[in-house]
Amino acid sequence: MVLKFSANLSLMFTETTDNLLERYQLASQAGFKAVEFTFPYQYPVEDVVKAKSAANVDQILINAYPGDTERGELGLAIMSGRQDEFRESLEKSMEYATALNCNKIHIMAGKKFA
């Protein structure tokens, strides 16, 4: 069995830079051929694609748009009454995944607030 590894850009190389896009190149320099991350949505999709292409790595996974992380939201899938927002967020996630040639999206279920 051959194991394949990917760098999680949300968690790795944070000691070097706070900029997610710069971490693509760091992952490539460290020998990774594939990357994943949680939420790229603060960056324009074109900038994310440019950073990925310049680093010559494969994007194997992104997380679906999480909602309002400032409020502690980590997904919208279980949020009653927010189906339209979930559909819109999924379209945004699909836009990024398609542009990055990434065929896996982790759907963030979310959490209910008390």
Protein backbone atom coordinates (compact mmCIF):
# COMPACT_ATOMS: atom_id res chain seq x y z
CA MET A 1 0.00 0.00 0.00
CA VAL A 2 1.31 3.42 -0.95
CA LEU A 3 0.36 6.22 1.41
CA LYS A 4 -0.11 9.75 0.12
CA PHE A 5 0.14 12.80 2.34
CA SER A 6 -1.23 16.30 2.00
CA ALA A 7 -0.35 19.46 3.89
CA ASN A 8 -3.23 21.11 5.72
CA LEU A 9 -2.50 24.75 4.96
CA SER A 10 -4.86 25.93 7.69
CA LEU A 11 -2.73 24.28 10.34
CA MET A 12 0.76 23.94 8.90
CA PHE A 13 3.36 26.65 8.33
CA THR A 14 1.52 29.09 10.61
CA GLU A 15 4.81 29.83 12.40
CA THR A 16 6.12 31.24 9.13
CA THR A 17 3.17 33.24 7.79
CA ASP A 18 -0.42 34.15 8.59
CA ASN A 19 -1.18 34.30 4.87
CA LEU A 20 -2.84 31.11 3.66
CA LEU A 21 -1.80 31.78 0.07
CA GLU A 22 1.89 31.94 0.95
CA ARG A 23 1.62 28.51 2.56
CA TYR A 24 1.10 26.87 -0.84
CA GLN A 25 4.71 27.57 -1.75
CA LEU A 26 5.93 26.51 1.69
CA ALA A 27 4.13 23.17 1.31
CA SER A 28 5.68 22.65 -2.10
CA GLN A 29 9.13 23.51 -0.78
CA ALA A 30 8.62 20.97 2.03
CA GLY A 31 7.99 18.28 -0.59
CA PHE A 32 4.20 18.05 -0.49
CA LYS A 33 2.47 17.35 -3.79
CA ALA A 34 -1.04 17.90 -2.42
CA VAL A 35 -2.73 20.34 -0.04
CA GLU A 36 -6.01 20.90 1.74
CA PHE A 37 -7.41 23.67 3.91
CA THR A 38 -10.50 24.67 5.77
CA PHE A 39 -11.73 28.07 4.63
CA PRO A 40 -10.17 29.98 1.72
CA TYR A 41 -13.13 32.30 1.36
CA GLN A 42 -11.45 35.46 2.65
CA TYR A 43 -9.34 35.42 -0.54
CA PRO A 44 -10.61 35.99 -4.08
CA VAL A 45 -10.80 32.66 -5.90
CA GLU A 46 -8.45 33.95 -8.60
CA ASP A 47 -5.74 34.62 -6.00
CA VAL A 48 -6.11 31.15 -4.51
CA VAL A 49 -5.83 29.54 -7.94
CA LYS A 50 -2.76 31.63 -8.75
CA ALA A 51 -1.02 30.59 -5.49
CA LYS A 52 -1.86 26.91 -6.05
CA SER A 53 -0.64 26.98 -9.65
CA ALA A 54 2.58 28.78 -8.77
CA ALA A 55 3.34 26.14 -6.12
CA ASN A 56 2.52 23.30 -8.54
CA VAL A 57 0.50 21.27 -6.02
CA ASP A 58 -2.86 19.51 -6.16
CA GLN A 59 -5.78 20.76 -4.09
CA ILE A 60 -7.43 17.62 -2.74
CA LEU A 61 -9.96 19.02 -0.25
CA ILE A 62 -11.65 22.19 0.90
CA ASN A 63 -14.32 22.68 3.52
CA ALA A 64 -17.67 24.10 2.56
CA TYR A 65 -18.29 27.70 3.45
CA PRO A 66 -18.79 27.72 7.24
CA GLY A 67 -21.17 30.62 7.76
CA ASP A 68 -20.33 33.31 10.31
CA THR A 69 -17.23 32.05 12.11
CA GLU A 70 -17.22 35.19 14.29
CA ARG A 71 -20.44 33.86 15.82
CA GLY A 72 -18.94 30.40 16.16
CA GLU A 73 -20.72 28.87 13.19
CA LEU A 74 -18.95 25.92 11.64
CA GLY A 75 -21.29 25.03 8.85
CA LEU A 76 -24.87 25.53 7.81
CA ALA A 77 -26.12 22.08 6.83
CA ILE A 78 -28.15 21.43 10.00
CA MET A 79 -29.34 24.99 10.52
CA SER A 80 -33.11 24.94 10.40
CA GLY A 81 -34.58 27.74 8.33
CA ARG A 82 -31.28 28.52 6.60
CA GLN A 83 -31.61 26.15 3.67
CA ASP A 84 -31.35 28.93 1.08
CA GLU A 85 -28.19 30.27 2.73
CA PHE A 86 -26.75 26.74 2.78
CA ARG A 87 -27.47 26.31 -0.95
CA GLU A 88 -25.82 29.66 -1.72
CA SER A 89 -22.80 28.78 0.41
CA LEU A 90 -22.51 25.44 -1.35
CA GLU A 91 -22.48 27.21 -4.70
CA LYS A 92 -19.62 29.39 -3.45
CA SER A 93 -17.75 26.31 -2.23
CA MET A 94 -18.29 24.63 -5.59
CA GLU A 95 -16.95 27.71 -7.38
CA TYR A 96 -13.70 27.47 -5.41
CA ALA A 97 -13.47 23.68 -5.78
CA THR A 98 -14.03 23.85 -9.52
CA ALA A 99 -11.49 26.63 -10.03
CA LEU A 100 -8.94 24.69 -7.94
CA ASN A 101 -9.66 21.41 -9.74
CA CYS A 102 -10.56 19.94 -6.37
CA ASN A 103 -13.09 17.11 -6.36
CA LYS A 104 -13.74 16.87 -2.61
CA ILE A 105 -15.70 19.28 -0.43
CA HIS A 106 -16.16 18.62 3.27
CA ILE A 107 -19.71 19.68 4.15
CA MET A 108 -19.62 21.42 7.50
CA ALA A 109 -22.69 20.26 9.42
CA GLY A 110 -22.69 23.18 11.82
CA LYS A 111 -23.75 23.39 15.41
CA LYS A 112 -26.92 24.55 16.99
CA PHE A 113 -26.78 27.39 19.44
CA ALA A 114 -28.59 27.12 22.76
